[in-house]
Protein backbone atom coordinates (compact mmCIF):
# COMPACT_ATOMS: atom_id res chain seq x y z
CA MET A 1 0.00 0.00 0.00
CA GLN A 2 1.24 3.50 -0.85
CA LYS A 3 2.51 5.46 2.11
CA PRO A 4 0.95 8.85 2.83
CA ARG A 5 2.99 11.55 1.08
CA CYS A 6 1.75 14.82 2.62
CA SER A 7 0.30 16.37 5.73
CA SER A 8 -3.10 18.02 5.77
CA SER A 9 -3.76 21.39 7.40
CA ASP A 10 -4.95 19.64 10.57
CA GLY A 11 -1.63 17.81 10.90
CA ARG A 12 -2.73 14.34 9.79
CA GLU A 13 -0.79 12.46 7.15
CA PHE A 14 -2.73 11.92 3.99
CA GLY A 15 -2.08 10.29 0.63
CA LYS A 16 -3.65 10.94 -2.75
CA VAL A 17 -7.26 9.82 -3.09
CA LEU A 18 -8.97 8.60 -6.24
CA ILE A 19 -12.59 9.83 -6.35
CA ALA A 20 -14.93 8.38 -8.97
CA THR A 21 -18.37 9.98 -9.31
CA ILE A 22 -20.80 9.74 -12.22
CA THR A 23 -22.16 13.23 -11.55
CA LEU A 24 -20.47 16.54 -10.76
CA GLY A 25 -22.84 18.91 -12.55
CA LYS A 26 -20.86 18.93 -15.81
CA TRP A 27 -24.03 18.22 -17.81
CA GLY A 28 -25.82 21.03 -15.95
CA GLU A 29 -27.57 18.46 -13.75
CA THR A 30 -28.46 18.95 -10.10
CA ASN A 31 -29.03 16.07 -7.68
CA GLY A 32 -28.02 14.95 -4.23
CA VAL A 33 -24.80 13.26 -5.36
CA GLU A 34 -23.70 16.24 -7.46
CA TYR A 35 -24.47 18.56 -4.56
CA THR A 36 -22.46 16.44 -2.11
CA TYR A 37 -19.33 16.28 -4.26
CA ASN A 38 -19.44 19.95 -5.19
CA CYS A 39 -19.34 20.58 -1.43
CA LEU A 40 -16.59 17.99 -0.89
CA LEU A 41 -14.09 19.39 -3.40
CA PRO A 42 -13.79 22.82 -1.72
CA TYR A 43 -13.11 20.97 1.53
CA PHE A 44 -10.23 19.09 -0.13
CA ARG A 45 -8.84 22.38 -1.47
CA LYS A 46 -9.14 24.08 1.91
CA LYS A 47 -7.45 21.22 3.77
CA GLY A 48 -4.74 20.74 1.15
CA LEU A 49 -5.72 17.12 0.52
CA PRO A 50 -4.54 15.63 -2.80
CA ALA A 51 -7.03 13.86 -5.05
CA ASP A 52 -7.72 12.84 -8.63
CA VAL A 53 -11.45 13.13 -9.40
CA LEU A 54 -12.86 11.35 -12.45
CA THR A 55 -16.34 12.23 -13.66
CA TYR A 56 -18.40 12.51 -16.85
CA GLY A 57 -19.36 15.55 -18.90
CA PRO A 58 -20.02 16.76 -22.44
CA LYS A 59 -16.35 17.40 -23.19
CA ASP A 60 -12.94 16.13 -22.12
CA GLN A 61 -11.41 18.51 -19.62
CA CYS A 62 -8.73 18.59 -16.93
CA GLU A 63 -8.95 21.21 -14.16
CA GLN A 64 -5.96 21.55 -11.85
CA ASP A 65 -6.12 23.40 -8.52
CA GLY A 66 -3.05 22.68 -6.42
CA ASP A 67 -3.09 18.98 -5.50
CA LEU A 68 -6.70 18.58 -6.63
CA THR A 69 -7.29 17.47 -10.22
CA VAL A 70 -10.80 17.16 -11.69
CA ILE A 71 -10.83 15.11 -14.90
CA THR A 72 -13.99 15.19 -16.99
CA HIS A 73 -14.42 12.38 -19.51
CA ARG A 74 -16.80 12.60 -22.47
CA PRO A 75 -18.42 9.16 -22.96
CA ARG A 76 -17.38 7.59 -26.27
CA VAL A 77 -20.02 4.85 -26.10
CA PRO A 78 -22.68 6.60 -23.97
CA ILE A 79 -25.36 4.75 -22.07
CA SER A 80 -28.15 6.74 -20.46
CA VAL A 81 -28.38 6.43 -16.68
CA ASP A 82 -31.00 9.14 -16.24
CA SER A 83 -32.43 11.95 -18.32
CA SER A 84 -29.41 14.14 -17.56
CA LEU A 85 -26.71 11.52 -16.88
CA LYS A 86 -24.62 9.33 -19.16
CA SER A 87 -21.98 6.70 -18.53
CA ASP A 88 -19.39 5.23 -20.91
CA LEU A 89 -19.73 1.54 -21.71
CA PHE A 90 -16.05 1.32 -22.70
CA LEU A 91 -14.57 3.75 -20.19
CA ALA A 92 -11.77 1.31 -19.27
CA LEU A 93 -10.38 1.53 -22.82
CA SER A 94 -10.00 5.31 -22.73
CA ARG A 95 -6.59 6.91 -22.40
CA VAL A 96 -7.52 8.79 -19.21
CA ALA A 97 -8.78 5.62 -17.51
CA ARG A 98 -5.64 3.71 -18.45
CA ASP A 99 -3.45 6.56 -17.18
CA LEU A 100 -5.23 6.82 -13.82
CA ALA A 101 -5.28 3.04 -13.39
CA ASN A 102 -1.47 3.05 -13.46
CA ARG A 103 -1.15 5.55 -10.61
CA LYS A 104 -0.77 4.72 -6.95
CA TYR A 105 -3.40 5.89 -4.49
CA TRP A 106 -3.83 5.89 -0.74
CA VAL A 107 -7.61 5.33 -0.90
CA ALA A 108 -10.17 4.89 -3.67
CA HIS A 109 -13.43 6.73 -2.94
CA VAL A 110 -16.11 5.23 -5.17
CA ALA A 111 -19.50 6.91 -5.57
CA SER A 112 -20.92 5.32 -8.72
CA PRO A 113 -22.34 1.78 -8.91
CA ASP A 114 -21.92 1.76 -12.70
CA VAL A 115 -19.20 1.29 -15.31
CA LEU A 116 -17.15 4.08 -13.73
CA GLY A 117 -17.46 2.48 -10.31
CA VAL A 118 -16.39 -0.96 -11.59
CA TRP A 119 -13.37 0.63 -13.27
CA ALA A 120 -12.49 2.40 -9.99
CA LEU A 121 -12.67 -0.91 -8.08
CA LYS A 122 -10.24 -2.50 -10.53
CA ALA A 123 -7.93 0.53 -10.38
CA ALA A 124 -7.93 0.32 -6.57
CA HIS A 125 -7.10 -3.38 -6.61
CA ARG A 126 -4.28 -2.70 -9.06
CA SER A 127 -2.99 0.07 -6.78
CA ASN A 128 -3.46 -2.22 -3.76
CA CYS A 129 -5.27 0.56 -1.92
CA PRO A 130 -8.40 0.31 0.23
CA VAL A 131 -11.83 1.00 -1.27
CA VAL A 132 -14.34 3.27 0.45
CA ASN A 133 -17.62 2.77 -1.38
CA VAL A 134 -20.10 5.55 -0.63
CA TYR A 135 -23.73 4.49 -1.05
CA HIS A 136 -25.82 7.34 -2.42
CA THR A 137 -28.75 5.93 -4.35
CA ALA A 138 -31.16 3.00 -3.93
CA VAL A 139 -30.66 1.96 -7.55
CA ASP A 140 -32.43 -1.38 -7.05
CA LYS A 141 -35.57 0.38 -5.78
CA TYR A 142 -35.44 2.81 -8.69
CA ALA A 143 -35.11 -0.10 -11.13
CA LEU A 144 -38.11 -1.87 -9.60
CA ILE A 145 -40.34 1.22 -9.73
CA ARG A 146 -39.35 2.35 -13.21
CA SER A 147 -39.56 -1.10 -14.81
CA ARG A 148 -42.87 -1.81 -13.05
CA LYS A 149 -44.28 1.44 -14.42
CA ALA A 150 -43.01 0.63 -17.92
CA ALA A 151 -43.65 -3.11 -18.15
CA GLY A 152 -45.71 -4.34 -15.22
CA ALA A 153 -45.29 -5.83 -11.76
CA VAL A 154 -43.59 -9.13 -12.71
CA LEU A 155 -40.86 -7.55 -14.80
CA GLY A 156 -40.46 -4.88 -12.15
CA ARG A 157 -39.73 -7.47 -9.46
CA ILE A 158 -37.29 -9.31 -11.73
CA CYS A 159 -35.47 -6.12 -12.65
CA GLY A 160 -35.33 -4.99 -9.03
CA ALA A 161 -33.96 -8.33 -7.82
CA THR A 162 -31.38 -8.47 -10.62
CA THR A 163 -30.21 -4.96 -9.87
CA GLN A 164 -29.94 -5.70 -6.15
CA GLY A 165 -27.80 -8.75 -6.92
CA ALA A 166 -25.45 -6.65 -9.04
CA MET A 167 -25.25 -3.99 -6.34
CA ARG A 168 -24.52 -6.60 -3.68
CA TRP A 169 -21.58 -7.83 -5.74
CA PHE A 170 -20.39 -4.26 -6.32
CA TYR A 171 -20.46 -3.14 -2.69
CA ASN A 172 -18.97 -6.41 -1.46
CA GLN A 173 -15.74 -5.45 -3.27
CA SER A 174 -15.22 -2.66 -0.73
CA ASP A 175 -13.17 -2.45 2.44
CA LEU A 176 -15.70 -0.04 3.93
CA VAL A 177 -19.17 1.00 2.80
CA LEU A 178 -20.58 4.37 3.91
CA ALA A 179 -24.33 4.88 4.14
CA PRO A 180 -25.93 8.34 4.39
CA SER A 181 -28.32 7.48 7.22
CA LYS A 182 -28.97 5.00 10.02
CA HIS A 183 -31.90 3.44 8.16
CA VAL A 184 -29.74 2.70 5.11
CA LYS A 185 -26.82 1.54 7.29
CA ASP A 186 -29.04 -1.03 9.01
CA GLU A 187 -30.43 -2.22 5.69
CA LEU A 188 -27.01 -2.58 4.04
CA SER A 189 -25.49 -4.26 7.10
CA SER A 190 -28.12 -7.00 6.83
CA TYR A 191 -26.82 -8.30 3.50
CA LEU A 192 -23.35 -6.86 2.76
CA GLN A 193 -20.07 -8.42 3.87
CA PRO A 194 -17.92 -5.30 4.49
CA GLU A 195 -18.29 -3.08 7.52
CA VAL A 196 -20.86 -0.32 7.01
CA GLY A 197 -20.44 3.13 8.53
CA ILE A 198 -22.33 6.41 8.22
CA LEU A 199 -21.31 9.45 6.22
CA SER A 200 -24.11 11.96 6.68
CA ARG A 201 -24.72 15.10 4.61
CA GLY A 202 -24.39 18.73 5.52
CA ILE A 203 -26.08 22.07 4.88
CA ASP A 204 -24.95 25.61 4.18
CA MET A 205 -27.42 27.61 6.26
CA ASP A 206 -26.45 30.88 4.61
CA THR A 207 -27.42 29.51 1.20
CA PHE A 208 -30.68 27.99 2.40
CA SER A 209 -32.17 30.66 4.63
CA PRO A 210 -35.49 32.44 5.31
CA ALA A 211 -33.60 35.65 4.51
CA PHE A 212 -34.21 34.95 0.80
CA ARG A 213 -37.98 35.25 1.22
CA ASP A 214 -39.34 38.11 -0.90
CA ARG A 215 -42.90 36.93 -1.42
CA LYS A 216 -45.66 39.20 -0.20
CA GLU A 217 -47.55 37.80 2.76
CA GLY A 218 -51.17 36.76 2.41
CA GLY A 219 -52.96 34.76 -0.20
CA GLN A 220 -52.94 31.01 -0.52
CA PRO A 221 -50.15 29.16 1.30
CA CYS A 222 -47.62 27.47 -0.97
CA ALA A 223 -46.47 23.86 -0.72
CA LEU A 224 -43.14 23.10 -2.37
CA TYR A 225 -41.52 20.02 -3.91
CA VAL A 226 -37.88 20.14 -5.04
CA GLY A 227 -36.08 17.24 -6.68
CA ARG A 228 -36.05 14.97 -9.68
CA VAL A 229 -39.47 14.77 -11.26
CA ALA A 230 -39.29 11.01 -11.67
CA PRO A 231 -41.53 7.98 -10.95
CA GLU A 232 -39.50 6.79 -7.95
CA LYS A 233 -40.20 10.04 -6.08
CA GLY A 234 -43.85 9.14 -5.46
CA LEU A 235 -45.19 12.22 -7.23
CA ASP A 236 -48.43 10.51 -8.27
CA LEU A 237 -49.48 11.10 -4.67
CA LEU A 238 -48.97 14.87 -5.04
CA VAL A 239 -51.05 14.77 -8.22
CA ASP A 240 -53.88 13.04 -6.33
CA ILE A 241 -53.72 15.40 -3.34
CA PHE A 242 -53.36 18.72 -5.13
CA SER A 243 -55.93 17.89 -7.80
CA ASN A 244 -58.49 18.22 -4.99
CA GLN A 245 -56.72 20.76 -2.78
CA SER A 246 -58.19 24.27 -2.70
CA ARG A 247 -56.50 25.57 0.45
CA CYS A 248 -52.99 25.80 -0.97
CA LYS A 249 -51.07 25.71 -4.21
CA LEU A 250 -48.14 23.49 -5.21
CA THR A 251 -44.83 24.55 -6.76
CA VAL A 252 -42.62 21.89 -8.33
CA VAL A 253 -38.91 22.65 -8.81
CA GLY A 254 -36.92 20.22 -10.92
CA LYS A 255 -36.96 18.23 -14.11
CA GLY A 256 -37.12 14.56 -15.05
CA SER A 257 -38.86 11.83 -16.98
CA TYR A 258 -42.23 12.32 -15.21
CA LEU A 259 -42.42 16.09 -15.70
CA GLU A 260 -44.59 16.26 -18.83
CA GLU A 261 -46.97 13.62 -17.51
CA MET A 262 -47.25 15.46 -14.20
CA LYS A 263 -47.96 18.75 -15.97
CA ALA A 264 -50.75 17.10 -17.94
CA LYS A 265 -52.28 15.53 -14.81
CA LEU A 266 -51.85 18.58 -12.56
CA PRO A 267 -51.85 21.71 -14.75
CA GLN A 268 -52.81 23.99 -11.86
CA ALA A 269 -49.43 23.52 -10.16
CA THR A 270 -46.51 25.87 -10.87
CA TYR A 271 -43.52 24.24 -12.59
CA THR A 272 -40.26 26.20 -12.52
CA GLY A 273 -37.93 23.65 -14.09
CA GLN A 274 -34.48 23.20 -12.60
CA LEU A 275 -33.24 26.06 -10.42
CA SER A 276 -29.87 26.80 -8.86
CA SER A 277 -28.02 29.45 -6.85
CA GLU A 278 -30.16 32.29 -5.49
CA ALA A 279 -33.19 31.28 -7.57
CA LEU A 280 -33.29 27.96 -5.71
CA SER A 281 -32.75 29.66 -2.35
CA ARG A 282 -35.67 32.00 -3.06
CA ALA A 283 -37.92 29.12 -4.14
CA PHE A 284 -37.37 27.42 -0.79
CA ALA A 285 -37.75 30.59 1.26
CA ASN A 286 -40.90 31.73 -0.55
CA ALA A 287 -42.78 28.50 0.22
CA ASP A 288 -44.74 27.79 3.39
CA PHE A 289 -44.09 24.07 3.80
CA PHE A 290 -42.30 21.25 2.01
CA VAL A 291 -43.84 18.04 0.66
CA PHE A 292 -41.64 15.02 -0.02
CA PRO A 293 -43.58 11.82 -0.82
CA SER A 294 -40.52 9.75 -1.81
CA LYS A 295 -40.13 6.30 -0.28
CA THR A 296 -36.76 5.59 -1.90
CA ASP A 297 -34.41 8.37 -0.75
CA THR A 298 -31.28 7.34 1.11
CA PHE A 299 -30.87 10.76 2.76
CA GLY A 300 -33.03 13.56 1.35
CA ASN A 301 -30.77 16.60 0.92
CA VAL A 302 -33.73 18.70 -0.18
CA VAL A 303 -35.55 17.99 3.10
CA VAL A 304 -32.62 19.44 5.06
CA GLN A 305 -32.42 22.38 2.64
CA ALA A 306 -36.13 23.06 3.18
CA MET A 307 -35.75 22.89 6.96
CA SER A 308 -32.76 25.24 6.84
CA SER A 309 -34.98 27.61 4.83
CA GLY A 310 -37.49 27.63 7.68
CA LEU A 311 -40.02 25.19 6.24
CA PRO A 312 -41.73 22.33 8.07
CA ALA A 313 -41.53 19.16 5.97
CA ILE A 314 -44.04 16.41 5.36
CA VAL A 315 -42.21 13.11 4.74
CA THR A 316 -43.11 9.42 4.68
CA ASP A 317 -42.00 6.91 7.29
CA ALA A 318 -40.02 4.98 4.64
CA MET A 319 -36.24 5.21 4.20
CA ALA A 320 -34.12 8.09 5.53
CA PRO A 321 -35.87 11.50 5.27
CA LYS A 322 -37.87 10.71 8.43
CA GLU A 323 -34.60 10.84 10.39
CA HIS A 324 -34.46 14.62 9.89
CA VAL A 325 -37.97 15.27 11.20
CA ASN A 326 -39.16 15.36 14.79
CA ASN A 327 -42.80 14.48 14.21
CA GLY A 328 -45.15 17.24 15.30
CA VAL A 329 -42.28 19.56 16.26
CA ASN A 330 -40.54 20.59 13.04
CA GLY A 331 -42.56 18.64 10.51
CA LEU A 332 -44.82 15.65 10.05
CA ILE A 333 -44.04 11.98 9.38
CA VAL A 334 -46.85 10.02 7.76
CA SER A 335 -47.38 6.32 7.20
CA SER A 336 -50.03 6.31 4.46
CA ASP A 337 -51.30 8.32 1.50
CA GLU A 338 -54.34 9.31 3.54
CA GLU A 339 -52.15 10.66 6.36
CA PHE A 340 -50.09 12.62 3.81
CA ALA A 341 -53.25 14.31 2.50
CA LEU A 342 -54.37 15.12 6.06
CA ALA A 343 -50.94 16.59 6.84
CA VAL A 344 -51.21 18.86 3.80
CA ASP A 345 -54.67 19.98 4.99
CA LEU A 346 -53.33 20.66 8.48
CA LEU A 347 -50.38 22.81 7.41
CA SER A 348 -52.43 24.56 4.74
CA SER A 349 -54.99 25.73 7.28
CA ASP A 350 -52.81 26.69 10.27
CA ALA A 351 -50.31 29.52 9.70
CA SER A 352 -49.21 29.67 13.34
CA LEU A 353 -48.41 25.95 13.30
CA ARG A 354 -46.40 26.38 10.09
CA ASN A 355 -44.43 29.25 11.57
CA ARG A 356 -43.74 27.43 14.83
CA MET A 357 -42.63 24.26 13.06
CA GLY A 358 -40.58 26.23 10.52
CA SER A 359 -38.57 27.94 13.25
CA ALA A 360 -37.97 24.58 14.94
CA ALA A 361 -36.93 23.07 11.59
CA ARG A 362 -34.17 25.63 11.06
CA GLU A 363 -32.98 25.20 14.62
CA ALA A 364 -32.81 21.41 14.15
CA VAL A 365 -30.28 21.50 11.29
CA LYS A 366 -27.79 23.92 12.86
CA GLU A 367 -25.30 21.17 13.67
CA LYS A 368 -25.25 19.72 10.14
CA SER A 369 -22.14 21.49 8.83
CA TRP A 370 -20.34 20.12 5.77
CA GLU A 371 -16.96 20.56 7.47
CA ARG A 372 -17.99 18.27 10.33
CA VAL A 373 -19.28 15.68 7.84
CA PHE A 374 -16.10 15.69 5.78
CA ASP A 375 -13.82 15.60 8.82
CA SER A 376 -15.49 12.27 9.57
CA LEU A 377 -14.80 11.16 5.97
CA VAL A 378 -11.07 11.46 6.60
CA ASP A 379 -11.55 9.25 9.66
CA HIS A 380 -13.33 6.71 7.45
CA TYR A 381 -10.43 6.69 4.97
CA GLU A 382 -8.07 5.82 7.79
CA ARG A 383 -10.50 3.18 9.06
CA ALA A 384 -10.63 1.55 5.61
CA ALA A 385 -6.83 1.43 5.46
CA ARG A 386 -6.75 -0.35 8.83
CA LEU A 387 -9.45 -2.81 7.77
CA LYS A 388 -7.58 -3.68 4.61
CA ALA A 389 -4.29 -4.11 6.48
CA LYS A 390 -6.02 -6.35 9.02
CA ARG A 391 -7.23 -8.71 6.33
CA HIS A 392 -3.81 -9.11 4.71
């Protein structure tokens, strides 16, 4: 294993890290993974930590900033992963992949259970360095929902089971797997061989703040959804609820494969498309409460962003978003479609409750700083190195 070659600003010895992520916003996409890694890279720069980052984008590009190198690869044989994401079926044959595979790394940080991720696993094994595999997305659940919607329940179950088998193989190649939440950690620990830890997510409370609110008070309250407009987000439920909801209006921020269908089914909602920077901050701050019907999210960055913006959130009791909400204090956790509709009615009709919960929501996320999260990531790198050494 390569010895650490530098010292970070906090005095710890640190070697060069290989980071492989399918998304870094190079296509103009926004999602939870992109958001996380665009927060991680400034941390690496600030701490003076060396890394090679390989990602995809519309053109080949190499950006150097001190010991941090971001390499963007244009897929030569593209395969669509999502409406705004592509992978390269023959990535391993590219010159950049061959070059990086011949380098020595201290740790491989893998964030993509796809062709890029498989290449990174092989590069790590060639470098004889530990693998930290960061679990971001419940791809098997997405596969089940999307294939069921497209081809029926039987094919959906087959596709979901096949995808879970492939993911099990992929994550079992790791020395350490990092889950974004306790719920996901417990689930992964039940069927994966490597140790599973937690790498949470952070929030920039200056970016997501009630200070961006510029909407005039009065009128109908506004419910907000932000995220991919895709089948796995459970947006059919919002269509059902807001088709018959006269007390409040719904704003949908985002894009995705379900957007046109949702517009046709719920034309009375406001659709902004994808927003970023101050426009996104204002969209959060100008709403009155947040609705998030997803049952597949492994963390729910947008829920934390909404809470930081002073919004109470309505979430389901499935997966991880419920971990951010103290039911009845800073939001509502529901266990059925009927309860979700009742929660919307409750927050729509009670401004004082919304305001009280919104203040509590912002208070609840104060300790979720990105720096604290990424300090723990460095600890995980060192843990993975010890686990690998212990096995050999």
